[in-house]
C-alpha atoms as a PDB file:
ATOM      1  CA  UNK A   1      11.965 -46.812 -54.192  1.00  0.00           C
ATOM      2  CA  UNK A   2      10.057 -46.070 -51.026  1.00  0.00           C
ATOM      3  CA  UNK A   3      13.022 -46.946 -48.773  1.00  0.00           C
ATOM      4  CA  UNK A   4      15.199 -44.758 -50.977  1.00  0.00           C
ATOM      5  CA  UNK A   5      12.796 -42.017 -50.768  1.00  0.00           C
ATOM      6  CA  UNK A   6      12.431 -42.143 -46.884  1.00  0.00           C
ATOM      7  CA  UNK A   7      16.527 -42.077 -46.647  1.00  0.00           C
ATOM      8  CA  UNK A   8      16.848 -39.257 -48.684  1.00  0.00           C
ATOM      9  CA  UNK A   9      13.930 -37.001 -47.135  1.00  0.00           C
ATOM     10  CA  UNK A  10      15.315 -37.902 -43.693  1.00  0.00           C
ATOM     11  CA  UNK A  11      18.997 -36.724 -44.148  1.00  0.00           C
ATOM     12  CA  UNK A  12      18.738 -34.163 -46.741  1.00  0.00           C
ATOM     13  CA  UNK A  13      19.009 -30.380 -45.608  1.00  0.00           C
ATOM     14  CA  UNK A  14      18.401 -26.924 -47.338  1.00  0.00           C
ATOM     15  CA  UNK A  15      22.017 -25.534 -47.378  1.00  0.00           C
ATOM     16  CA  UNK A  16      20.614 -22.003 -47.609  1.00  0.00           C
ATOM     17  CA  UNK A  17      18.234 -22.527 -44.511  1.00  0.00           C
ATOM     18  CA  UNK A  18      20.962 -24.113 -42.442  1.00  0.00           C
ATOM     19  CA  UNK A  19      23.448 -21.201 -43.320  1.00  0.00           C
ATOM     20  CA  UNK A  20      20.738 -18.622 -42.466  1.00  0.00           C
ATOM     21  CA  UNK A  21      20.294 -20.398 -38.837  1.00  0.00           C
ATOM     22  CA  UNK A  22      24.143 -20.329 -38.421  1.00  0.00           C
ATOM     23  CA  UNK A  23      24.183 -16.795 -39.383  1.00  0.00           C
ATOM     24  CA  UNK A  24      21.487 -15.911 -36.902  1.00  0.00           C
ATOM     25  CA  UNK A  25      23.173 -17.957 -33.929  1.00  0.00           C
ATOM     26  CA  UNK A  26      26.443 -16.441 -34.730  1.00  0.00           C
ATOM     27  CA  UNK A  27      25.131 -12.776 -34.744  1.00  0.00           C
ATOM     28  CA  UNK A  28      23.431 -13.541 -31.423  1.00  0.00           C
ATOM     29  CA  UNK A  29      27.050 -14.550 -29.746  1.00  0.00           C
ATOM     30  CA  UNK A  30      28.985 -12.075 -31.509  1.00  0.00           C
ATOM     31  CA  UNK A  31      29.866  -9.125 -29.378  1.00  0.00           C
ATOM     32  CA  UNK A  32      28.404  -6.615 -31.886  1.00  0.00           C
ATOM     33  CA  UNK A  33      25.208  -8.835 -31.708  1.00  0.00           C
ATOM     34  CA  UNK A  34      25.077  -9.309 -28.175  1.00  0.00           C
ATOM     35  CA  UNK A  35      26.131  -5.989 -26.585  1.00  0.00           C
ATOM     36  CA  UNK A  36      25.312  -3.218 -29.034  1.00  0.00           C
ATOM     37  CA  UNK A  37      21.615  -4.026 -29.457  1.00  0.00           C
ATOM     38  CA  UNK A  38      19.144  -2.471 -27.094  1.00  0.00           C
ATOM     39  CA  UNK A  39      21.265   0.405 -25.741  1.00  0.00           C
ATOM     40  CA  UNK A  40      18.170   2.508 -25.385  1.00  0.00           C
ATOM     41  CA  UNK A  41      16.453  -0.430 -23.423  1.00  0.00           C
ATOM     42  CA  UNK A  42      19.791  -0.471 -21.305  1.00  0.00           C
ATOM     43  CA  UNK A  43      19.713   3.096 -20.537  1.00  0.00           C
ATOM     44  CA  UNK A  44      15.951   2.904 -19.764  1.00  0.00           C
ATOM     45  CA  UNK A  45      16.617   0.343 -17.145  1.00  0.00           C
ATOM     46  CA  UNK A  46      19.368   2.108 -15.625  1.00  0.00           C
ATOM     47  CA  UNK A  47      16.983   5.438 -15.384  1.00  0.00           C
ATOM     48  CA  UNK A  48      14.575   3.162 -13.718  1.00  0.00           C
ATOM     49  CA  UNK A  49      16.692   1.796 -10.957  1.00  0.00           C
ATOM     50  CA  UNK A  50      18.299   5.408 -10.314  1.00  0.00           C
ATOM     51  CA  UNK A  51      14.664   6.584  -9.928  1.00  0.00           C
ATOM     52  CA  UNK A  52      13.692   4.061  -7.418  1.00  0.00           C
ATOM     53  CA  UNK A  53      17.320   4.777  -5.520  1.00  0.00           C
ATOM     54  CA  UNK A  54      16.718   8.531  -5.783  1.00  0.00           C
ATOM     55  CA  UNK A  55      13.034   8.942  -5.165  1.00  0.00           C
ATOM     56  CA  UNK A  56      13.533  11.097  -2.079  1.00  0.00           C
ATOM     57  CA  UNK A  57      15.435  13.716  -4.183  1.00  0.00           C
ATOM     58  CA  UNK A  58      12.334  14.028  -6.552  1.00  0.00           C
ATOM     59  CA  UNK A  59      10.996  17.393  -5.563  1.00  0.00           C
ATOM     60  CA  UNK A  60       7.722  18.206  -4.405  1.00  0.00           C
ATOM     61  CA  UNK A  61       7.810  21.929  -5.512  1.00  0.00           C
ATOM     62  CA  UNK A  62       6.238  21.174  -8.976  1.00  0.00           C
ATOM     63  CA  UNK A  63       2.994  19.511  -8.414  1.00  0.00           C
ATOM     64  CA  UNK A  64       4.143  17.343  -5.655  1.00  0.00           C
ATOM     65  CA  UNK A  65       5.749  14.806  -8.014  1.00  0.00           C
ATOM     66  CA  UNK A  66       7.775  13.350  -5.151  1.00  0.00           C
ATOM     67  CA  UNK A  67       4.743  12.385  -3.329  1.00  0.00           C
ATOM     68  CA  UNK A  68       3.003  10.985  -6.294  1.00  0.00           C
ATOM     69  CA  UNK A  69       5.891   8.936  -7.405  1.00  0.00           C
ATOM     70  CA  UNK A  70       6.461   7.556  -3.732  1.00  0.00           C
ATOM     71  CA  UNK A  71       2.698   6.719  -3.672  1.00  0.00           C
ATOM     72  CA  UNK A  72       3.146   4.316  -6.359  1.00  0.00           C
ATOM     73  CA  UNK A  73       6.517   3.372  -6.078  1.00  0.00           C
ATOM     74  CA  UNK A  74       6.434  -0.515  -5.696  1.00  0.00           C
ATOM     75  CA  UNK A  75       4.679  -0.492  -9.048  1.00  0.00           C
ATOM     76  CA  UNK A  76       7.788   1.026 -10.802  1.00  0.00           C
ATOM     77  CA  UNK A  77       9.508  -2.257 -10.315  1.00  0.00           C
ATOM     78  CA  UNK A  78       6.609  -4.595 -10.534  1.00  0.00           C
ATOM     79  CA  UNK A  79       5.756  -3.172 -14.018  1.00  0.00           C
ATOM     80  CA  UNK A  80       8.858  -1.480 -15.233  1.00  0.00           C
ATOM     81  CA  UNK A  81      11.258  -4.632 -14.911  1.00  0.00           C
ATOM     82  CA  UNK A  82       8.831  -7.243 -16.573  1.00  0.00           C
ATOM     83  CA  UNK A  83       8.120  -4.796 -19.473  1.00  0.00           C
ATOM     84  CA  UNK A  84      11.666  -3.950 -20.187  1.00  0.00           C
ATOM     85  CA  UNK A  85      12.737  -7.711 -19.836  1.00  0.00           C
ATOM     86  CA  UNK A  86      10.144  -8.680 -22.450  1.00  0.00           C
ATOM     87  CA  UNK A  87      11.613  -5.969 -24.779  1.00  0.00           C
ATOM     88  CA  UNK A  88      15.177  -6.890 -24.071  1.00  0.00           C
ATOM     89  CA  UNK A  89      14.480 -10.440 -25.004  1.00  0.00           C
ATOM     90  CA  UNK A  90      12.428  -9.636 -27.892  1.00  0.00           C
ATOM     91  CA  UNK A  91      15.217  -7.423 -28.998  1.00  0.00           C
ATOM     92  CA  UNK A  92      17.747 -10.052 -28.207  1.00  0.00           C
ATOM     93  CA  UNK A  93      20.012  -7.560 -26.262  1.00  0.00           C
ATOM     94  CA  UNK A  94      22.278  -9.186 -23.527  1.00  0.00           C
ATOM     95  CA  UNK A  95      23.101  -5.316 -22.649  1.00  0.00           C
ATOM     96  CA  UNK A  96      19.615  -4.561 -21.686  1.00  0.00           C
ATOM     97  CA  UNK A  97      19.233  -7.794 -19.849  1.00  0.00           C
ATOM     98  CA  UNK A  98      22.213  -7.111 -17.709  1.00  0.00           C
ATOM     99  CA  UNK A  99      21.320  -3.648 -17.034  1.00  0.00           C
ATOM    100  CA  UNK A 100      17.901  -4.746 -15.706  1.00  0.00           C
ATOM    101  CA  UNK A 101      19.728  -6.404 -12.703  1.00  0.00           C
ATOM    102  CA  UNK A 102      20.176  -2.502 -11.378  1.00  0.00           C
ATOM    103  CA  UNK A 103      16.351  -2.001 -10.922  1.00  0.00           C
ATOM    104  CA  UNK A 104      15.837  -5.657  -9.793  1.00  0.00           C
ATOM    105  CA  UNK A 105      18.145  -5.614  -7.161  1.00  0.00           C
ATOM    106  CA  UNK A 106      17.194  -2.019  -5.918  1.00  0.00           C
ATOM    107  CA  UNK A 107      13.405  -3.040  -5.951  1.00  0.00           C
ATOM    108  CA  UNK A 108      14.401  -6.311  -3.936  1.00  0.00           C
ATOM    109  CA  UNK A 109      16.268  -4.018  -1.279  1.00  0.00           C
ATOM    110  CA  UNK A 110      13.539  -1.509  -0.936  1.00  0.00           C
ATOM    111  CA  UNK A 111      10.536  -3.734  -0.922  1.00  0.00           C
ATOM    112  CA  UNK A 112      11.700  -7.631  -0.798  1.00  0.00           C
ATOM    113  CA  UNK A 113      11.161  -7.548   3.108  1.00  0.00           C
ATOM    114  CA  UNK A 114       7.268  -6.228   2.552  1.00  0.00           C
ATOM    115  CA  UNK A 115       6.450  -9.493   0.429  1.00  0.00           C
ATOM    116  CA  UNK A 116       7.606 -12.171   2.907  1.00  0.00           C
ATOM    117  CA  UNK A 117       5.017 -13.280   5.749  1.00  0.00           C
ATOM    118  CA  UNK A 118       6.043 -11.713   9.146  1.00  0.00           C
ATOM    119  CA  UNK A 119       2.906 -12.639  11.033  1.00  0.00           C
ATOM    120  CA  UNK A 120       3.295 -13.870  14.446  1.00  0.00           C
ATOM    121  CA  UNK A 121       1.324 -14.909  17.600  1.00  0.00           C
ATOM    122  CA  UNK A 122       0.477 -13.829  20.855  1.00  0.00           C
ATOM    123  CA  UNK A 123      -1.695 -10.669  20.282  1.00  0.00           C
ATOM    124  CA  UNK A 124      -4.075  -9.706  22.971  1.00  0.00           C
ATOM    125  CA  UNK A 125      -5.965  -6.882  21.127  1.00  0.00           C
ATOM    126  CA  UNK A 126      -7.223  -6.915  17.630  1.00  0.00           C
ATOM    127  CA  UNK A 127      -7.936  -3.605  15.898  1.00  0.00           C
ATOM    128  CA  UNK A 128      -9.553  -2.702  12.515  1.00  0.00           C
ATOM    129  CA  UNK A 129     -10.028   0.441  10.385  1.00  0.00           C
ATOM    130  CA  UNK A 130     -12.405   0.933   7.517  1.00  0.00           C
ATOM    131  CA  UNK A 131     -13.332   3.729   5.232  1.00  0.00           C
ATOM    132  CA  UNK A 132     -16.897   2.590   4.579  1.00  0.00           C
ATOM    133  CA  UNK A 133     -17.410   4.978   1.346  1.00  0.00           C
ATOM    134  CA  UNK A 134     -20.180   7.686   1.788  1.00  0.00           C
ATOM    135  CA  UNK A 135     -21.584   6.291  -1.137  1.00  0.00           C
ATOM    136  CA  UNK A 136     -21.812   2.804   0.294  1.00  0.00           C
ATOM    137  CA  UNK A 137     -24.819   1.083  -1.031  1.00  0.00           C
ATOM    138  CA  UNK A 138     -25.129  -1.485   1.755  1.00  0.00           C
ATOM    139  CA  UNK A 139     -24.126  -0.057   5.130  1.00  0.00           C
ATOM    140  CA  UNK A 140     -25.894  -2.732   6.876  1.00  0.00           C
ATOM    141  CA  UNK A 141     -24.193  -5.424   5.227  1.00  0.00           C
ATOM    142  CA  UNK A 142     -21.043  -3.582   5.862  1.00  0.00           C
ATOM    143  CA  UNK A 143     -21.822  -3.293   9.601  1.00  0.00           C
ATOM    144  CA  UNK A 144     -22.383  -7.341   9.500  1.00  0.00           C
ATOM    145  CA  UNK A 145     -18.903  -7.831   7.778  1.00  0.00           C
ATOM    146  CA  UNK A 146     -17.196  -5.569  10.504  1.00  0.00           C
ATOM    147  CA  UNK A 147     -18.744  -7.529  13.409  1.00  0.00           C
ATOM    148  CA  UNK A 148     -17.793 -10.985  11.569  1.00  0.00           C
ATOM    149  CA  UNK A 149     -14.071  -9.729  11.721  1.00  0.00           C
ATOM    150  CA  UNK A 150     -13.966 -10.254  15.313  1.00  0.00           C
ATOM    151  CA  UNK A 151     -11.768  -7.022  15.722  1.00  0.00           C
ATOM    152  CA  UNK A 152     -11.790  -5.593  19.484  1.00  0.00           C
ATOM    153  CA  UNK A 153     -11.720  -1.894  18.374  1.00  0.00           C
ATOM    154  CA  UNK A 154     -13.049  -0.670  14.994  1.00  0.00           C
ATOM    155  CA  UNK A 155     -12.744   2.709  13.436  1.00  0.00           C
ATOM    156  CA  UNK A 156     -14.970   3.897  10.666  1.00  0.00           C
ATOM    157  CA  UNK A 157     -13.976   6.822   8.337  1.00  0.00           C
ATOM    158  CA  UNK A 158     -16.355   8.636   5.981  1.00  0.00           C
ATOM    159  CA  UNK A 159     -19.574   8.124   7.940  1.00  0.00           C
ATOM    160  CA  UNK A 160     -22.559  10.129   6.672  1.00  0.00           C
ATOM    161  CA  UNK A 161     -25.619  11.547   8.635  1.00  0.00           C
ATOM    162  CA  UNK A 162     -27.900   9.178   6.639  1.00  0.00           C
ATOM    163  CA  UNK A 163     -25.977   5.859   7.112  1.00  0.00           C
ATOM    164  CA  UNK A 164     -24.578   6.399  10.860  1.00  0.00           C
ATOM    165  CA  UNK A 165     -27.988   5.303  12.441  1.00  0.00           C
ATOM    166  CA  UNK A 166     -27.446   2.014  10.374  1.00  0.00           C
ATOM    167  CA  UNK A 167     -23.824   1.351  11.748  1.00  0.00           C
ATOM    168  CA  UNK A 168     -24.911   2.331  15.236  1.00  0.00           C
ATOM    169  CA  UNK A 169     -27.612  -0.219  15.340  1.00  0.00           C
ATOM    170  CA  UNK A 170     -25.795  -2.846  13.389  1.00  0.00           C
ATOM    171  CA  UNK A 171     -22.532  -2.554  15.690  1.00  0.00           C
ATOM    172  CA  UNK A 172     -24.403  -1.950  19.140  1.00  0.00           C
ATOM    173  CA  UNK A 173     -24.677  -5.401  20.342  1.00  0.00           C
ATOM    174  CA  UNK A 174     -20.971  -6.397  19.401  1.00  0.00           C
ATOM    175  CA  UNK A 175     -19.608  -3.118  20.454  1.00  0.00           C
ATOM    176  CA  UNK A 176     -21.244  -1.517  23.636  1.00  0.00           C
ATOM    177  CA  UNK A 177     -18.823   1.480  23.597  1.00  0.00           C
ATOM    178  CA  UNK A 178     -18.705   4.132  21.012  1.00  0.00           C
ATOM    179  CA  UNK A 179     -17.646   7.669  19.923  1.00  0.00           C
ATOM    180  CA  UNK A 180     -18.175   9.539  16.845  1.00  0.00           C
ATOM    181  CA  UNK A 181     -16.791  12.872  16.162  1.00  0.00           C
ATOM    182  CA  UNK A 182     -17.761  14.527  12.843  1.00  0.00           C
ATOM    183  CA  UNK A 183     -17.291  12.025  10.141  1.00  0.00           C
ATOM    184  CA  UNK A 184     -15.228   9.263  12.064  1.00  0.00           C
ATOM    185  CA  UNK A 185     -15.980   6.945  14.822  1.00  0.00           C
ATOM    186  CA  UNK A 186     -14.475   4.522  16.990  1.00  0.00           C
ATOM    187  CA  UNK A 187     -16.552   1.342  18.267  1.00  0.00           C
ATOM    188  CA  UNK A 188     -15.176  -0.801  21.144  1.00  0.00           C
ATOM    189  CA  UNK A 189     -15.787  -3.927  23.205  1.00  0.00           C
ATOM    190  CA  UNK A 190     -13.821  -2.265  26.221  1.00  0.00           C
ATOM    191  CA  UNK A 191     -14.542   1.079  27.817  1.00  0.00           C
ATOM    192  CA  UNK A 192     -13.807   4.311  26.104  1.00  0.00           C
ATOM    193  CA  UNK A 193     -12.983   7.601  27.763  1.00  0.00           C
ATOM    194  CA  UNK A 194     -11.857  11.131  27.214  1.00  0.00           C
ATOM    195  CA  UNK A 195     -13.011  11.199  23.440  1.00  0.00           C
ATOM    196  CA  UNK A 196     -12.797  14.457  21.668  1.00  0.00           C
ATOM    197  CA  UNK A 197     -12.205  15.816  18.052  1.00  0.00           C
ATOM    198  CA  UNK A 198      -8.631  16.369  16.785  1.00  0.00           C
ATOM    199  CA  UNK A 199      -8.151  19.553  14.727  1.00  0.00           C
ATOM    200  CA  UNK A 200      -6.284  18.661  11.575  1.00  0.00           C
ATOM    201  CA  UNK A 201      -7.135  21.986  10.073  1.00  0.00           C
ATOM    202  CA  UNK A 202      -9.787  20.950   7.858  1.00  0.00           C
ATOM    203  CA  UNK A 203     -12.654  23.194   8.989  1.00  0.00           C
ATOM    204  CA  UNK A 204     -14.793  20.186  10.138  1.00  0.00           C
ATOM    205  CA  UNK A 205     -13.941  17.482  12.210  1.00  0.00           C
ATOM    206  CA  UNK A 206     -12.329  14.346  10.501  1.00  0.00           C
ATOM    207  CA  UNK A 207     -10.315  13.136  13.435  1.00  0.00           C
ATOM    208  CA  UNK A 208     -10.724  12.092  17.033  1.00  0.00           C
ATOM    209  CA  UNK A 209      -8.842  10.970  20.006  1.00  0.00           C
ATOM    210  CA  UNK A 210     -10.054   8.636  22.553  1.00  0.00           C
ATOM    211  CA  UNK A 211      -8.705   6.349  25.455  1.00  0.00           C
ATOM    212  CA  UNK A 212      -9.609   2.776  25.483  1.00  0.00           C
ATOM    213  CA  UNK A 213      -9.127   0.582  28.621  1.00  0.00           C
ATOM    214  CA  UNK A 214      -7.372  -2.740  27.295  1.00  0.00           C
ATOM    215  CA  UNK A 215      -8.131  -6.257  28.739  1.00  0.00           C
ATOM    216  CA  UNK A 216      -5.037  -5.950  31.144  1.00  0.00           C
ATOM    217  CA  UNK A 217      -6.310  -2.502  32.439  1.00  0.00           C
ATOM    218  CA  UNK A 218      -3.838  -0.523  30.562  1.00  0.00           C
ATOM    219  CA  UNK A 219      -4.821   2.776  29.002  1.00  0.00           C
ATOM    220  CA  UNK A 220      -4.179   3.090  25.130  1.00  0.00           C
ATOM    221  CA  UNK A 221      -4.611   6.209  23.252  1.00  0.00           C
ATOM    222  CA  UNK A 222      -6.479   5.783  19.868  1.00  0.00           C
ATOM    223  CA  UNK A 223      -6.402   8.272  17.134  1.00  0.00           C
ATOM    224  CA  UNK A 224      -8.912   7.968  14.256  1.00  0.00           C
ATOM    225  CA  UNK A 225      -8.265  10.103  11.205  1.00  0.00           C
ATOM    226  CA  UNK A 226      -9.311  10.636   7.772  1.00  0.00           C
ATOM    227  CA  UNK A 227      -6.938  13.052   5.977  1.00  0.00           C
ATOM    228  CA  UNK A 228      -7.880  15.307   2.998  1.00  0.00           C
ATOM    229  CA  UNK A 229      -8.227  13.321  -0.233  1.00  0.00           C
ATOM    230  CA  UNK A 230      -5.835  13.954  -3.112  1.00  0.00           C
ATOM    231  CA  UNK A 231      -6.297  14.095  -6.994  1.00  0.00           C
ATOM    232  CA  UNK A 232      -4.149  13.968  -9.930  1.00  0.00           C
ATOM    233  CA  UNK A 233      -4.798  16.811 -12.181  1.00  0.00           C
ATOM    234  CA  UNK A 234      -3.082  17.870 -15.513  1.00  0.00           C
ATOM    235  CA  UNK A 235      -3.204  21.566 -14.566  1.00  0.00           C
ATOM    236  CA  UNK A 236      -2.370  21.045 -10.954  1.00  0.00           C
ATOM    237  CA  UNK A 237      -0.448  17.892 -10.678  1.00  0.00           C
ATOM    238  CA  UNK A 238      -0.693  15.906  -7.296  1.00  0.00           C
ATOM    239  CA  UNK A 239      -2.925  18.077  -5.337  1.00  0.00           C
ATOM    240  CA  UNK A 240      -2.027  17.021  -1.790  1.00  0.00           C
ATOM    241  CA  UNK A 241      -1.215  20.238  -0.032  1.00  0.00           C
ATOM    242  CA  UNK A 242      -4.363  20.271   2.207  1.00  0.00           C
ATOM    243  CA  UNK A 243      -3.546  16.584   3.141  1.00  0.00           C
ATOM    244  CA  UNK A 244       0.134  17.372   3.913  1.00  0.00           C
ATOM    245  CA  UNK A 245      -1.098  20.529   6.191  1.00  0.00           C
ATOM    246  CA  UNK A 246      -3.514  17.824   8.175  1.00  0.00           C
ATOM    247  CA  UNK A 247      -0.981  15.207   8.190  1.00  0.00           C
ATOM    248  CA  UNK A 248       1.438  17.878  10.019  1.00  0.00           C
ATOM    249  CA  UNK A 249      -1.258  18.876  12.414  1.00  0.00           C
ATOM    250  CA  UNK A 250      -1.983  15.115  13.187  1.00  0.00           C
ATOM    251  CA  UNK A 251       1.700  14.407  13.891  1.00  0.00           C
ATOM    252  CA  UNK A 252       1.863  17.364  16.203  1.00  0.00           C
ATOM    253  CA  UNK A 253      -1.014  15.894  18.204  1.00  0.00           C
ATOM    254  CA  UNK A 254       0.277  12.588  18.504  1.00  0.00           C
ATOM    255  CA  UNK A 255       3.693  13.965  19.554  1.00  0.00           C
ATOM    256  CA  UNK A 256       2.103  15.694  22.630  1.00  0.00           C
ATOM    257  CA  UNK A 257       0.139  12.399  23.598  1.00  0.00           C
ATOM    258  CA  UNK A 258       0.835  11.768  27.382  1.00  0.00           C
ATOM    259  CA  UNK A 259      -0.076   8.040  27.153  1.00  0.00           C
ATOM    260  CA  UNK A 260       2.569   5.936  26.117  1.00  0.00           C
ATOM    261  CA  UNK A 261       0.774   3.319  24.013  1.00  0.00           C
ATOM    262  CA  UNK A 262      -0.691   4.855  20.905  1.00  0.00           C
ATOM    263  CA  UNK A 263      -2.740   3.326  18.065  1.00  0.00           C
ATOM    264  CA  UNK A 264      -3.530   5.431  15.075  1.00  0.00           C
ATOM    265  CA  UNK A 265      -6.320   3.953  12.514  1.00  0.00           C
ATOM    266  CA  UNK A 266      -7.441   5.690   9.508  1.00  0.00           C
ATOM    267  CA  UNK A 267      -7.486   6.675   5.901  1.00  0.00           C
ATOM    268  CA  UNK A 268      -4.317   8.954   5.553  1.00  0.00           C
ATOM    269  CA  UNK A 269      -4.637   9.080   1.776  1.00  0.00           C
ATOM    270  CA  UNK A 270      -1.113   8.295   1.466  1.00  0.00           C
ATOM    271  CA  UNK A 271       1.372   5.465   1.910  1.00  0.00           C
ATOM    272  CA  UNK A 272       4.093   5.070   4.167  1.00  0.00           C
ATOM    273  CA  UNK A 273       6.719   5.800   1.434  1.00  0.00           C
ATOM    274  CA  UNK A 274       5.256   9.390   1.058  1.00  0.00           C
ATOM    275  CA  UNK A 275       7.554  11.956   2.585  1.00  0.00           C
ATOM    276  CA  UNK A 276       4.736  14.484   3.099  1.00  0.00           C
ATOM    277  CA  UNK A 277       3.336  12.091   5.818  1.00  0.00           C
ATOM    278  CA  UNK A 278       6.724  12.111   7.633  1.00  0.00           C
ATOM    279  CA  UNK A 279       4.865  13.983  10.745  1.00  0.00           C
ATOM    280  CA  UNK A 280       3.078  11.010  11.347  1.00  0.00           C
ATOM    281  CA  UNK A 281       5.047   8.038   9.930  1.00  0.00           C
ATOM    282  CA  UNK A 282       8.130   8.968  11.414  1.00  0.00           C
ATOM    283  CA  UNK A 283       7.187   8.541  14.976  1.00  0.00           C
ATOM    284  CA  UNK A 284       5.040   5.431  14.529  1.00  0.00           C
ATOM    285  CA  UNK A 285       5.367   1.912  13.002  1.00  0.00           C
ATOM    286  CA  UNK A 286       3.222   0.360  10.581  1.00  0.00           C
ATOM    287  CA  UNK A 287       1.628  -2.814  11.577  1.00  0.00           C
ATOM    288  CA  UNK A 288       1.577  -4.047   7.877  1.00  0.00           C
ATOM    289  CA  UNK A 289       5.254  -3.335   7.593  1.00  0.00           C
ATOM    290  CA  UNK A 290       6.231  -5.111  10.709  1.00  0.00           C
ATOM    291  CA  UNK A 291       3.858  -7.829  10.933  1.00  0.00           C
ATOM    292  CA  UNK A 292       1.994  -8.151   7.598  1.00  0.00           C
ATOM    293  CA  UNK A 293       2.156 -10.490   4.603  1.00  0.00           C
ATOM    294  CA  UNK A 294       2.495  -8.681   1.182  1.00  0.00           C
ATOM    295  CA  UNK A 295       1.745  -5.210   0.643  1.00  0.00           C
ATOM    296  CA  UNK A 296      -1.659  -5.103   1.877  1.00  0.00           C
ATOM    297  CA  UNK A 297      -3.071  -2.591  -0.656  1.00  0.00           C
ATOM    298  CA  UNK A 298      -6.310  -1.176   0.462  1.00  0.00           C
ATOM    299  CA  UNK A 299      -7.291   0.956  -2.210  1.00  0.00           C
ATOM    300  CA  UNK A 300      -9.274   0.558  -4.827  1.00  0.00           C
ATOM    301  CA  UNK A 301     -10.978  -2.443  -3.473  1.00  0.00           C
ATOM    302  CA  UNK A 302     -11.709  -3.873  -6.912  1.00  0.00           C
ATOM    303  CA  UNK A 303      -8.015  -3.791  -7.925  1.00  0.00           C
ATOM    304  CA  UNK A 304      -5.876  -2.650  -4.787  1.00  0.00           C
ATOM    305  CA  UNK A 305      -2.946  -0.568  -6.071  1.00  0.00           C
ATOM    306  CA  UNK A 306      -1.871   1.568  -2.769  1.00  0.00           C
ATOM    307  CA  UNK A 307      -2.135   1.156   1.047  1.00  0.00           C
ATOM    308  CA  UNK A 308      -3.627   4.413   1.808  1.00  0.00           C
ATOM    309  CA  UNK A 309      -5.637   2.959   4.837  1.00  0.00           C
ATOM    310  CA  UNK A 310      -3.128   2.554   7.896  1.00  0.00           C
ATOM    311  CA  UNK A 311      -2.769   0.952  11.245  1.00  0.00           C
ATOM    312  CA  UNK A 312       0.135   2.401  13.028  1.00  0.00           C
ATOM    313  CA  UNK A 313       1.213   2.539  16.686  1.00  0.00           C
ATOM    314  CA  UNK A 314       4.071   3.290  19.054  1.00  0.00           C
ATOM    315  CA  UNK A 315       4.879   1.626  22.490  1.00  0.00           C
ATOM    316  CA  UNK A 316       3.107  -1.262  21.189  1.00  0.00           C
ATOM    317  CA  UNK A 317       4.131  -4.485  19.438  1.00  0.00           C
ATOM    318  CA  UNK A 318       2.168  -5.565  16.172  1.00  0.00           C
ATOM    319  CA  UNK A 319       2.049  -9.039  16.073  1.00  0.00           C
ATOM    320  CA  UNK A 320       0.055  -9.426  12.607  1.00  0.00           C
ATOM    321  CA  UNK A 321      -1.715  -7.612  10.172  1.00  0.00           C
ATOM    322  CA  UNK A 322      -3.989  -8.404   7.161  1.00  0.00           C
ATOM    323  CA  UNK A 323      -6.814  -7.179   4.972  1.00  0.00           C
ATOM    324  CA  UNK A 324     -10.336  -8.313   5.533  1.00  0.00           C
ATOM    325  CA  UNK A 325     -12.818  -9.285   2.764  1.00  0.00           C
ATOM    326  CA  UNK A 326     -14.326  -6.651   0.596  1.00  0.00           C
ATOM    327  CA  UNK A 327     -17.703  -4.706   1.638  1.00  0.00           C
ATOM    328  CA  UNK A 328     -19.679  -2.311  -0.208  1.00  0.00           C
ATOM    329  CA  UNK A 329     -17.068   0.293   0.093  1.00  0.00           C
ATOM    330  CA  UNK A 330     -14.494   1.450  -2.413  1.00  0.00           C
ATOM    331  CA  UNK A 331     -11.642   0.627   0.325  1.00  0.00           C
ATOM    332  CA  UNK A 332     -10.877  -2.736   1.643  1.00  0.00           C
ATOM    333  CA  UNK A 333     -11.179  -2.882   5.587  1.00  0.00           C
ATOM    334  CA  UNK A 334      -7.757  -3.717   7.553  1.00  0.00           C
ATOM    335  CA  UNK A 335      -6.915  -5.674  10.619  1.00  0.00           C
ATOM    336  CA  UNK A 336      -4.003  -5.975  12.964  1.00  0.00           C
ATOM    337  CA  UNK A 337      -3.366  -8.119  16.165  1.00  0.00           C
ATOM    338  CA  UNK A 338      -1.288  -6.468  18.719  1.00  0.00           C
ATOM    339  CA  UNK A 339       0.540  -7.012  22.038  1.00  0.00           C
ATOM    340  CA  UNK A 340      -0.513  -4.586  24.910  1.00  0.00           C
END
């Protein structure tokens, strides 16, 4: 009896259940099952791909939508493709899965080169930049972290009158040369000369230019800038007009530079993708883009989503670029090694 029971239970099947499974499998493979489901998802995938391809044609005339899109452009693919893929799998739509190839390929073509490690060796000058945050609760600790970076030249932005003496004291031993203009400053292990503010049309000083004598004796022009902040407002869109005007003024100053080797350090409140920063980015190379590892997002420090802090140069080869550990600021400090 026991043996008969075991044989029957192991071989028996529910005919209705088996037929239901066969129907589901058949529906999956039939054209009307595979291809007709998920048409909306497929359309969304195509639109996502086209938006990334044609991002430069999104107008800035209404709320600077083009610049806002370009600021977070990598995230369109990083978030959009996985979300649509999960939806396509749940919907069991082959059409949507195939359509997702478009945004996936576009994203790789746009940003695939940035996620690879391009770091090299042979640099003879290390530079760093850090928006130290006016509300930084620990400027002394931030100064110690900057010294630990080992950078030869350091730019600081968002310096306040209360915190400036702390930074001067904390950096004095490691960096005997410095210049502070308004709310930005440059500290160096090598001699600084010809320091002066740069007018970026803000009404107060948030940019400077100085000459640093490199280890091999050559002169390098350093620019430090903190462009106006931008905001996203429901009634005004991406409020970046003042920043754009300042970027144009900064770009004009750099274009008139007489020294052939130039390094720009600072918080530009915009990414290399943002067309409105073209007066600057069109004439300089990004250290992160040329010699970094990954996107190098710098803001906000708790969960970086955009690289709005920049190290750029012309007439100089970047060798490597990286982010430094978090300080008391809401921005991450950045560093780069260059070959003069």
